[in-house]
């Protein structure tokens, strides 16, 4: 997802999120006994039977912390794009929405200048433009909701909840 042509979530955050999900999933399957490891070797390190899951639990904790740090820095950027900040329009829409909105504003300004004080013409203009503004507002609201789901739900809640569930199952079944 992009905001003003920039990625809302960095590659590092996506990578730590995937790593957290993989480690958490593996820990869940190990805690359930679905994975039986007699002797495991990963990147040249050999783990004796029964020692891999504790190491994996530590890796889940480390990856979840790394993911939180990466995600939090992306959140600061997300907020810095004025999604929750100063400008009402700059950060809430994609470049296409910005162009459309700015074009609409320019049309409104020029129309008001041309119409002058003609009361009936202004009422006609408002009745013609109001549906376009309502549609635009609905589009922005929906985009904002999806952006929040994307940032808070998919890239924060899912990996962190997976890590918490995996650790809970590991210590419960431990």
N, C-alpha and C. Protein backbone atom coordinates (compact mmCIF):
# COMPACT_ATOMS: atom_id res chain seq x y z
N UNK A 1 0.85 -1.16 0.00
CA UNK A 1 0.00 0.00 0.00
C UNK A 1 0.90 1.23 0.00
N UNK A 2 0.55 2.19 -0.84
CA UNK A 2 1.33 3.41 -0.97
C UNK A 2 0.56 4.62 -0.46
N UNK A 3 1.31 5.57 0.11
CA UNK A 3 0.79 6.88 0.45
C UNK A 3 1.71 7.88 -0.20
N UNK A 4 1.15 8.73 -1.04
CA UNK A 4 1.91 9.75 -1.75
C UNK A 4 3.12 9.15 -2.46
N UNK A 5 2.93 7.97 -3.03
CA UNK A 5 3.97 7.32 -3.81
C UNK A 5 5.01 6.58 -2.99
N UNK A 6 4.87 6.53 -1.69
CA UNK A 6 5.82 5.85 -0.82
C UNK A 6 5.15 4.65 -0.16
N UNK A 7 5.95 3.62 0.12
CA UNK A 7 5.42 2.45 0.81
C UNK A 7 5.00 2.82 2.23
N UNK A 8 3.82 2.38 2.63
CA UNK A 8 3.35 2.63 3.99
C UNK A 8 4.11 1.77 4.99
N UNK A 9 4.45 0.57 4.58
CA UNK A 9 5.19 -0.37 5.43
C UNK A 9 6.50 -0.69 4.74
N UNK A 10 7.59 -0.54 5.46
CA UNK A 10 8.92 -0.75 4.87
C UNK A 10 9.18 -2.23 4.61
N UNK A 11 10.15 -2.48 3.77
CA UNK A 11 10.56 -3.85 3.49
C UNK A 11 11.07 -4.55 4.74
N UNK A 12 11.76 -3.80 5.61
CA UNK A 12 12.27 -4.39 6.85
C UNK A 12 11.12 -4.85 7.75
N UNK A 13 10.07 -4.08 7.82
CA UNK A 13 8.92 -4.46 8.65
C UNK A 13 8.23 -5.68 8.06
N UNK A 14 8.08 -5.71 6.75
CA UNK A 14 7.47 -6.89 6.12
C UNK A 14 8.33 -8.13 6.36
N UNK A 15 9.66 -7.97 6.31
CA UNK A 15 10.56 -9.10 6.53
C UNK A 15 10.49 -9.59 7.98
N UNK A 16 10.51 -8.67 8.94
CA UNK A 16 10.44 -9.11 10.34
C UNK A 16 9.08 -9.71 10.66
N UNK A 17 8.03 -9.20 10.01
CA UNK A 17 6.69 -9.78 10.21
C UNK A 17 6.63 -11.21 9.70
N UNK A 18 7.18 -11.44 8.50
CA UNK A 18 7.20 -12.81 7.96
C UNK A 18 8.05 -13.73 8.83
N UNK A 19 9.20 -13.23 9.27
CA UNK A 19 10.08 -14.04 10.13
C UNK A 19 9.36 -14.42 11.42
N UNK A 20 8.69 -13.46 12.02
CA UNK A 20 7.94 -13.73 13.25
C UNK A 20 6.86 -14.76 13.01
N UNK A 21 6.14 -14.64 11.89
CA UNK A 21 5.09 -15.61 11.57
C UNK A 21 5.66 -17.01 11.35
N UNK A 22 6.78 -17.12 10.65
CA UNK A 22 7.39 -18.44 10.38
C UNK A 22 7.88 -19.06 11.69
N UNK A 23 8.62 -18.30 12.48
CA UNK A 23 9.10 -18.82 13.76
C UNK A 23 7.93 -19.21 14.67
N UNK A 24 6.91 -18.36 14.72
CA UNK A 24 5.75 -18.63 15.58
C UNK A 24 5.01 -19.87 15.12
N UNK A 25 4.79 -20.00 13.82
CA UNK A 25 4.11 -21.18 13.28
C UNK A 25 4.88 -22.46 13.58
N UNK A 26 6.19 -22.40 13.40
CA UNK A 26 7.02 -23.57 13.69
C UNK A 26 6.96 -23.92 15.17
N UNK A 27 6.98 -22.92 16.02
CA UNK A 27 6.90 -23.17 17.47
C UNK A 27 5.54 -23.76 17.84
N UNK A 28 4.46 -23.28 17.23
CA UNK A 28 3.13 -23.84 17.50
C UNK A 28 3.10 -25.31 17.11
N UNK A 29 3.58 -25.62 15.90
CA UNK A 29 3.57 -27.02 15.45
C UNK A 29 4.46 -27.89 16.33
N UNK A 30 5.58 -27.34 16.78
CA UNK A 30 6.45 -28.09 17.69
C UNK A 30 5.79 -28.30 19.04
N UNK A 31 5.13 -27.27 19.57
CA UNK A 31 4.46 -27.39 20.87
C UNK A 31 3.30 -28.39 20.81
N UNK A 32 2.64 -28.47 19.65
CA UNK A 32 1.55 -29.44 19.49
C UNK A 32 2.06 -30.86 19.26
N UNK A 33 3.36 -30.98 19.02
CA UNK A 33 3.94 -32.29 18.76
C UNK A 33 3.80 -32.73 17.31
N UNK A 34 3.43 -31.83 16.44
CA UNK A 34 3.27 -32.17 15.03
C UNK A 34 4.62 -32.25 14.32
N UNK A 35 5.64 -31.67 14.93
CA UNK A 35 6.99 -31.73 14.37
C UNK A 35 7.84 -32.49 15.38
N UNK A 36 8.42 -33.58 14.94
CA UNK A 36 9.31 -34.37 15.78
C UNK A 36 10.74 -34.19 15.26
N UNK A 37 11.59 -33.65 16.09
CA UNK A 37 12.96 -33.39 15.67
C UNK A 37 13.91 -34.26 16.49
N UNK A 38 14.56 -35.21 15.81
CA UNK A 38 15.52 -36.05 16.50
C UNK A 38 16.81 -35.25 16.71
N UNK A 39 17.34 -34.72 15.65
CA UNK A 39 18.52 -33.86 15.71
C UNK A 39 18.38 -32.86 14.58
N UNK A 40 18.55 -31.60 14.88
CA UNK A 40 18.32 -30.56 13.90
C UNK A 40 19.60 -29.78 13.66
N UNK A 41 19.82 -29.43 12.40
CA UNK A 41 20.96 -28.60 12.04
C UNK A 41 20.46 -27.42 11.21
N UNK A 42 20.72 -26.23 11.70
CA UNK A 42 20.32 -25.02 10.98
C UNK A 42 21.55 -24.12 10.89
N UNK A 43 21.86 -23.69 9.70
CA UNK A 43 23.03 -22.88 9.36
C UNK A 43 24.29 -23.34 10.11
N UNK A 44 24.49 -24.63 10.09
CA UNK A 44 25.68 -25.21 10.68
C UNK A 44 25.61 -25.46 12.18
N UNK A 45 24.53 -25.05 12.83
CA UNK A 45 24.38 -25.27 14.26
C UNK A 45 23.54 -26.53 14.48
N UNK A 46 24.07 -27.44 15.31
CA UNK A 46 23.33 -28.67 15.60
C UNK A 46 22.65 -28.54 16.96
N UNK A 47 21.39 -28.93 16.96
CA UNK A 47 20.61 -28.91 18.19
C UNK A 47 20.26 -30.34 18.57
N UNK A 48 20.50 -30.68 19.83
CA UNK A 48 20.14 -32.01 20.31
C UNK A 48 18.63 -32.11 20.43
N UNK A 49 18.16 -33.35 20.55
CA UNK A 49 16.73 -33.57 20.71
C UNK A 49 16.24 -32.84 21.96
N UNK A 50 15.14 -32.11 21.81
CA UNK A 50 14.55 -31.39 22.94
C UNK A 50 15.12 -30.01 23.18
N UNK A 51 16.16 -29.63 22.45
CA UNK A 51 16.78 -28.32 22.66
C UNK A 51 16.35 -27.29 21.61
N UNK A 52 15.74 -27.75 20.53
CA UNK A 52 15.41 -26.84 19.43
C UNK A 52 14.25 -25.91 19.79
N UNK A 53 13.21 -26.43 20.42
CA UNK A 53 12.05 -25.60 20.74
C UNK A 53 12.37 -24.47 21.71
N UNK A 54 13.18 -24.68 22.75
CA UNK A 54 13.54 -23.53 23.59
C UNK A 54 14.30 -22.44 22.82
N UNK A 55 15.19 -22.87 21.92
CA UNK A 55 15.91 -21.90 21.09
C UNK A 55 14.92 -21.18 20.18
N UNK A 56 13.98 -21.92 19.63
CA UNK A 56 12.97 -21.33 18.75
C UNK A 56 12.09 -20.33 19.51
N UNK A 57 11.78 -20.63 20.77
CA UNK A 57 10.99 -19.70 21.59
C UNK A 57 11.75 -18.38 21.78
N UNK A 58 13.05 -18.47 21.99
CA UNK A 58 13.87 -17.26 22.12
C UNK A 58 13.87 -16.49 20.80
N UNK A 59 13.97 -17.21 19.68
CA UNK A 59 13.94 -16.56 18.37
C UNK A 59 12.59 -15.87 18.11
N UNK A 60 11.52 -16.47 18.58
CA UNK A 60 10.20 -15.84 18.44
C UNK A 60 10.17 -14.52 19.21
N UNK A 61 10.69 -14.52 20.42
CA UNK A 61 10.72 -13.30 21.23
C UNK A 61 11.57 -12.23 20.54
N UNK A 62 12.76 -12.61 20.09
CA UNK A 62 13.65 -11.65 19.44
C UNK A 62 13.03 -11.10 18.16
N UNK A 63 12.45 -11.98 17.35
CA UNK A 63 11.85 -11.51 16.09
C UNK A 63 10.62 -10.64 16.35
N UNK A 64 9.85 -10.95 17.39
CA UNK A 64 8.68 -10.12 17.72
C UNK A 64 9.12 -8.73 18.18
N UNK A 65 10.18 -8.67 18.97
CA UNK A 65 10.70 -7.36 19.40
C UNK A 65 11.22 -6.58 18.20
N UNK A 66 11.99 -7.24 17.35
CA UNK A 66 12.51 -6.58 16.14
C UNK A 66 11.36 -6.09 15.26
N UNK A 67 10.33 -6.90 15.15
CA UNK A 67 9.19 -6.50 14.34
C UNK A 67 8.49 -5.29 14.95
N UNK A 68 8.31 -5.29 16.25
CA UNK A 68 7.66 -4.15 16.89
C UNK A 68 8.45 -2.86 16.66
N UNK A 69 9.77 -2.93 16.79
CA UNK A 69 10.61 -1.75 16.57
C UNK A 69 10.47 -1.25 15.14
N UNK A 70 10.55 -2.17 14.17
CA UNK A 70 10.40 -1.78 12.76
C UNK A 70 9.01 -1.20 12.50
N UNK A 71 7.99 -1.88 13.02
CA UNK A 71 6.62 -1.42 12.80
C UNK A 71 6.39 -0.05 13.42
N UNK A 72 6.92 0.16 14.60
CA UNK A 72 6.72 1.44 15.28
C UNK A 72 7.36 2.58 14.49
N UNK A 73 8.52 2.33 13.90
CA UNK A 73 9.14 3.38 13.08
C UNK A 73 8.29 3.65 11.84
N UNK A 74 7.69 2.62 11.26
CA UNK A 74 6.78 2.82 10.13
C UNK A 74 5.53 3.57 10.57
N UNK A 75 5.05 3.29 11.76
CA UNK A 75 3.88 4.00 12.28
C UNK A 75 4.17 5.50 12.41
N UNK A 76 5.37 5.83 12.88
CA UNK A 76 5.75 7.24 12.98
C UNK A 76 5.73 7.89 11.60
N UNK A 77 6.21 7.18 10.60
CA UNK A 77 6.18 7.71 9.23
C UNK A 77 4.75 7.84 8.74
N UNK A 78 3.94 6.84 9.01
CA UNK A 78 2.53 6.84 8.60
C UNK A 78 1.82 8.05 9.19
N UNK A 79 2.04 8.30 10.45
CA UNK A 79 1.43 9.47 11.08
C UNK A 79 2.05 10.76 10.55
N UNK A 80 3.31 10.72 10.20
CA UNK A 80 3.99 11.89 9.64
C UNK A 80 3.46 12.28 8.28
N UNK A 81 2.81 11.34 7.59
CA UNK A 81 2.21 11.64 6.29
C UNK A 81 0.86 12.31 6.48
N UNK A 82 0.60 12.75 7.70
CA UNK A 82 -0.62 13.49 8.02
C UNK A 82 -1.87 12.65 7.95
N UNK A 83 -1.73 11.35 8.07
CA UNK A 83 -2.92 10.52 8.12
C UNK A 83 -3.72 10.93 9.37
N UNK A 84 -3.01 11.18 10.45
CA UNK A 84 -3.65 11.65 11.67
C UNK A 84 -3.17 13.05 12.04
N UNK A 85 -2.52 13.72 11.11
CA UNK A 85 -1.82 14.95 11.46
C UNK A 85 -2.39 16.21 10.87
N UNK A 86 -1.48 17.07 10.40
CA UNK A 86 -1.81 18.45 10.08
C UNK A 86 -2.69 18.61 8.85
N UNK A 87 -2.28 18.11 7.73
CA UNK A 87 -3.00 18.36 6.48
C UNK A 87 -4.16 17.40 6.34
N UNK A 88 -5.32 17.91 6.01
CA UNK A 88 -6.49 17.04 5.90
C UNK A 88 -6.45 16.20 4.64
N UNK A 89 -5.76 16.65 3.60
CA UNK A 89 -5.87 15.94 2.33
C UNK A 89 -4.58 15.30 1.86
N UNK A 90 -3.44 15.85 2.16
CA UNK A 90 -2.20 15.39 1.54
C UNK A 90 -1.91 13.93 1.81
N UNK A 91 -2.12 13.45 3.03
CA UNK A 91 -1.74 12.09 3.35
C UNK A 91 -2.85 11.09 3.27
N UNK A 92 -4.07 11.50 3.05
CA UNK A 92 -5.17 10.57 3.09
C UNK A 92 -5.45 9.89 1.77
N UNK A 93 -4.81 10.31 0.74
CA UNK A 93 -5.18 9.78 -0.57
C UNK A 93 -3.94 9.42 -1.36
N UNK A 94 -4.15 8.58 -2.33
CA UNK A 94 -3.07 8.26 -3.25
C UNK A 94 -2.85 9.45 -4.17
N UNK A 95 -1.82 9.36 -5.00
CA UNK A 95 -1.53 10.46 -5.91
C UNK A 95 -2.72 10.72 -6.84
N UNK A 96 -3.37 9.65 -7.27
CA UNK A 96 -4.53 9.81 -8.16
C UNK A 96 -5.66 10.56 -7.45
N UNK A 97 -5.90 10.20 -6.18
CA UNK A 97 -6.93 10.91 -5.42
C UNK A 97 -6.54 12.37 -5.22
N UNK A 98 -5.26 12.63 -4.95
CA UNK A 98 -4.82 14.01 -4.77
C UNK A 98 -5.05 14.83 -6.02
N UNK A 99 -4.69 14.28 -7.18
CA UNK A 99 -4.89 15.00 -8.44
C UNK A 99 -6.37 15.27 -8.67
N UNK A 100 -7.17 14.26 -8.40
CA UNK A 100 -8.61 14.42 -8.59
C UNK A 100 -9.16 15.48 -7.65
N UNK A 101 -8.74 15.44 -6.41
CA UNK A 101 -9.23 16.42 -5.44
C UNK A 101 -8.75 17.82 -5.79
N UNK A 102 -7.47 17.96 -6.10
CA UNK A 102 -6.95 19.29 -6.43
C UNK A 102 -7.63 19.84 -7.68
N UNK A 103 -7.89 18.98 -8.65
CA UNK A 103 -8.62 19.42 -9.84
C UNK A 103 -10.02 19.90 -9.49
N UNK A 104 -10.67 19.17 -8.59
CA UNK A 104 -12.01 19.55 -8.15
C UNK A 104 -11.99 20.90 -7.43
N UNK A 105 -11.01 21.10 -6.58
CA UNK A 105 -10.88 22.37 -5.85
C UNK A 105 -10.64 23.52 -6.83
N UNK A 106 -9.75 23.30 -7.79
CA UNK A 106 -9.48 24.36 -8.78
C UNK A 106 -10.74 24.69 -9.58
N UNK A 107 -11.50 23.66 -9.96
CA UNK A 107 -12.75 23.90 -10.68
C UNK A 107 -13.73 24.70 -9.84
N UNK A 108 -13.81 24.36 -8.56
CA UNK A 108 -14.73 25.09 -7.67
C UNK A 108 -14.32 26.56 -7.52
N UNK A 109 -13.05 26.79 -7.34
CA UNK A 109 -12.58 28.17 -7.17
C UNK A 109 -12.85 28.99 -8.43
N UNK A 110 -12.53 28.41 -9.58
CA UNK A 110 -12.75 29.17 -10.82
C UNK A 110 -14.24 29.38 -11.08
N UNK A 111 -15.06 28.39 -10.76
CA UNK A 111 -16.50 28.53 -10.97
C UNK A 111 -17.08 29.61 -10.06
N UNK A 112 -16.65 29.65 -8.81
CA UNK A 112 -17.14 30.67 -7.88
C UNK A 112 -16.72 32.06 -8.35
N UNK A 113 -15.48 32.17 -8.83
CA UNK A 113 -15.01 33.48 -9.33
C UNK A 113 -15.82 33.93 -10.54
N UNK A 114 -16.13 32.98 -11.43
CA UNK A 114 -16.89 33.32 -12.64
C UNK A 114 -18.34 33.68 -12.32
N UNK A 115 -18.91 33.00 -11.36
CA UNK A 115 -20.32 33.22 -11.07
C UNK A 115 -20.58 34.52 -10.31
N UNK A 116 -19.57 34.96 -9.60
CA UNK A 116 -19.73 36.21 -8.86
C UNK A 116 -20.80 36.09 -7.80
N UNK A 117 -21.77 36.95 -7.85
CA UNK A 117 -22.80 36.99 -6.82
C UNK A 117 -24.13 36.41 -7.29
N UNK A 118 -24.15 35.69 -8.38
CA UNK A 118 -25.40 35.11 -8.90
C UNK A 118 -25.83 33.97 -7.98
N UNK A 119 -26.79 34.24 -7.14
CA UNK A 119 -27.23 33.30 -6.10
C UNK A 119 -27.76 31.99 -6.69
N UNK A 120 -28.54 32.06 -7.74
CA UNK A 120 -29.13 30.86 -8.33
C UNK A 120 -28.08 30.00 -9.02
N UNK A 121 -27.12 30.63 -9.65
CA UNK A 121 -26.05 29.88 -10.32
C UNK A 121 -25.22 29.11 -9.30
N UNK A 122 -24.97 29.74 -8.17
CA UNK A 122 -24.19 29.07 -7.12
C UNK A 122 -24.97 27.87 -6.58
N UNK A 123 -26.27 28.01 -6.38
CA UNK A 123 -27.08 26.88 -5.92
C UNK A 123 -27.06 25.75 -6.94
N UNK A 124 -27.14 26.08 -8.22
CA UNK A 124 -27.07 25.05 -9.27
C UNK A 124 -25.72 24.34 -9.24
N UNK A 125 -24.65 25.11 -9.08
CA UNK A 125 -23.32 24.54 -9.05
C UNK A 125 -23.18 23.60 -7.85
N UNK A 126 -23.66 24.03 -6.71
CA UNK A 126 -23.58 23.21 -5.50
C UNK A 126 -24.35 21.91 -5.70
N UNK A 127 -25.54 21.97 -6.27
CA UNK A 127 -26.33 20.75 -6.48
C UNK A 127 -25.66 19.81 -7.47
N UNK A 128 -24.88 20.34 -8.40
CA UNK A 128 -24.18 19.49 -9.36
C UNK A 128 -22.91 18.89 -8.77
N UNK A 129 -22.25 19.63 -7.90
CA UNK A 129 -20.96 19.18 -7.37
C UNK A 129 -21.11 18.35 -6.10
N UNK A 130 -22.18 18.53 -5.37
CA UNK A 130 -22.36 17.83 -4.10
C UNK A 130 -22.25 16.30 -4.22
N UNK A 131 -22.87 15.66 -5.22
CA UNK A 131 -22.70 14.20 -5.34
C UNK A 131 -21.24 13.80 -5.55
N UNK A 132 -20.50 14.58 -6.33
CA UNK A 132 -19.08 14.29 -6.55
C UNK A 132 -18.29 14.39 -5.26
N UNK A 133 -18.58 15.41 -4.47
CA UNK A 133 -17.90 15.58 -3.18
C UNK A 133 -18.24 14.45 -2.21
N UNK A 134 -19.49 14.03 -2.18
CA UNK A 134 -19.89 12.92 -1.30
C UNK A 134 -19.19 11.63 -1.70
N UNK A 135 -19.12 11.37 -3.00
CA UNK A 135 -18.43 10.18 -3.49
C UNK A 135 -16.95 10.24 -3.14
N UNK A 136 -16.35 11.40 -3.31
CA UNK A 136 -14.93 11.57 -2.99
C UNK A 136 -14.69 11.35 -1.50
N UNK A 137 -15.56 11.90 -0.66
CA UNK A 137 -15.42 11.76 0.79
C UNK A 137 -15.56 10.29 1.20
N UNK A 138 -16.52 9.58 0.61
CA UNK A 138 -16.69 8.16 0.90
C UNK A 138 -15.45 7.38 0.50
N UNK A 139 -14.91 7.70 -0.66
CA UNK A 139 -13.70 7.03 -1.14
C UNK A 139 -12.54 7.26 -0.18
N UNK A 140 -12.36 8.48 0.27
CA UNK A 140 -11.29 8.78 1.22
C UNK A 140 -11.49 8.06 2.54
N UNK A 141 -12.72 8.02 3.03
CA UNK A 141 -13.01 7.34 4.29
C UNK A 141 -12.69 5.85 4.17
N UNK A 142 -13.11 5.22 3.08
CA UNK A 142 -12.83 3.80 2.88
C UNK A 142 -11.34 3.54 2.76
N UNK A 143 -10.64 4.40 2.06
CA UNK A 143 -9.19 4.26 1.90
C UNK A 143 -8.51 4.39 3.26
N UNK A 144 -8.96 5.33 4.07
CA UNK A 144 -8.39 5.51 5.41
C UNK A 144 -8.63 4.31 6.31
N UNK A 145 -9.82 3.73 6.22
CA UNK A 145 -10.12 2.53 7.02
C UNK A 145 -9.23 1.37 6.61
N UNK A 146 -9.07 1.18 5.30
CA UNK A 146 -8.21 0.10 4.83
C UNK A 146 -6.76 0.35 5.24
N UNK A 147 -6.32 1.59 5.19
CA UNK A 147 -4.96 1.92 5.59
C UNK A 147 -4.74 1.56 7.06
N UNK A 148 -5.71 1.86 7.90
CA UNK A 148 -5.57 1.51 9.31
C UNK A 148 -5.57 0.00 9.52
N UNK A 149 -6.42 -0.71 8.81
CA UNK A 149 -6.42 -2.17 8.89
C UNK A 149 -5.07 -2.72 8.44
N UNK A 150 -4.53 -2.18 7.37
CA UNK A 150 -3.26 -2.62 6.82
C UNK A 150 -2.12 -2.38 7.80
N UNK A 151 -2.06 -1.19 8.36
CA UNK A 151 -0.95 -0.83 9.24
C UNK A 151 -1.10 -1.46 10.62
N UNK A 152 -2.28 -1.31 11.24
CA UNK A 152 -2.47 -1.79 12.61
C UNK A 152 -2.82 -3.27 12.67
N UNK A 153 -3.61 -3.75 11.73
CA UNK A 153 -4.06 -5.13 11.77
C UNK A 153 -3.06 -6.10 11.18
N UNK A 154 -2.87 -5.97 9.87
CA UNK A 154 -2.05 -6.94 9.15
C UNK A 154 -0.58 -6.89 9.53
N UNK A 155 -0.04 -5.69 9.70
CA UNK A 155 1.40 -5.58 9.94
C UNK A 155 1.77 -5.39 11.40
N UNK A 156 0.80 -5.33 12.30
CA UNK A 156 1.11 -5.30 13.72
C UNK A 156 0.43 -6.45 14.46
N UNK A 157 -0.88 -6.45 14.45
CA UNK A 157 -1.62 -7.41 15.27
C UNK A 157 -1.36 -8.86 14.86
N UNK A 158 -1.36 -9.15 13.58
CA UNK A 158 -1.21 -10.54 13.14
C UNK A 158 0.14 -11.13 13.59
N UNK A 159 1.29 -10.51 13.28
CA UNK A 159 2.56 -11.12 13.72
C UNK A 159 2.72 -11.15 15.25
N UNK A 160 2.31 -10.08 15.92
CA UNK A 160 2.49 -10.04 17.38
C UNK A 160 1.57 -11.05 18.06
N UNK A 161 0.32 -11.15 17.61
CA UNK A 161 -0.59 -12.16 18.18
C UNK A 161 -0.09 -13.57 17.90
N UNK A 162 0.44 -13.80 16.71
CA UNK A 162 1.00 -15.12 16.39
C UNK A 162 2.14 -15.46 17.34
N UNK A 163 3.00 -14.49 17.62
CA UNK A 163 4.10 -14.72 18.55
C UNK A 163 3.58 -15.01 19.96
N UNK A 164 2.60 -14.24 20.41
CA UNK A 164 2.04 -14.45 21.75
C UNK A 164 1.35 -15.81 21.87
N UNK A 165 0.61 -16.18 20.84
CA UNK A 165 -0.06 -17.49 20.84
C UNK A 165 0.97 -18.61 20.86
N UNK A 166 2.01 -18.48 20.03
CA UNK A 166 3.04 -19.52 19.97
C UNK A 166 3.76 -19.66 21.30
N UNK A 167 4.11 -18.54 21.91
CA UNK A 167 4.79 -18.60 23.20
C UNK A 167 3.87 -19.16 24.28
N UNK A 168 2.60 -18.76 24.25
CA UNK A 168 1.64 -19.30 25.21
C UNK A 168 1.49 -20.80 25.07
N UNK A 169 1.40 -21.28 23.84
CA UNK A 169 1.28 -22.73 23.62
C UNK A 169 2.55 -23.46 24.03
N UNK A 170 3.69 -22.85 23.75
CA UNK A 170 4.97 -23.48 24.11
C UNK A 170 5.07 -23.63 25.63
N UNK A 171 4.77 -22.57 26.36
CA UNK A 171 4.90 -22.64 27.81
C UNK A 171 3.78 -23.48 28.44
N UNK A 172 2.62 -23.52 27.82
CA UNK A 172 1.52 -24.33 28.34
C UNK A 172 1.77 -25.82 28.10
N UNK A 173 2.24 -26.15 26.90
CA UNK A 173 2.49 -27.56 26.55
C UNK A 173 3.90 -27.99 26.92
N UNK A 174 4.76 -27.02 27.18
CA UNK A 174 6.17 -27.11 27.41
C UNK A 174 6.74 -28.30 27.97
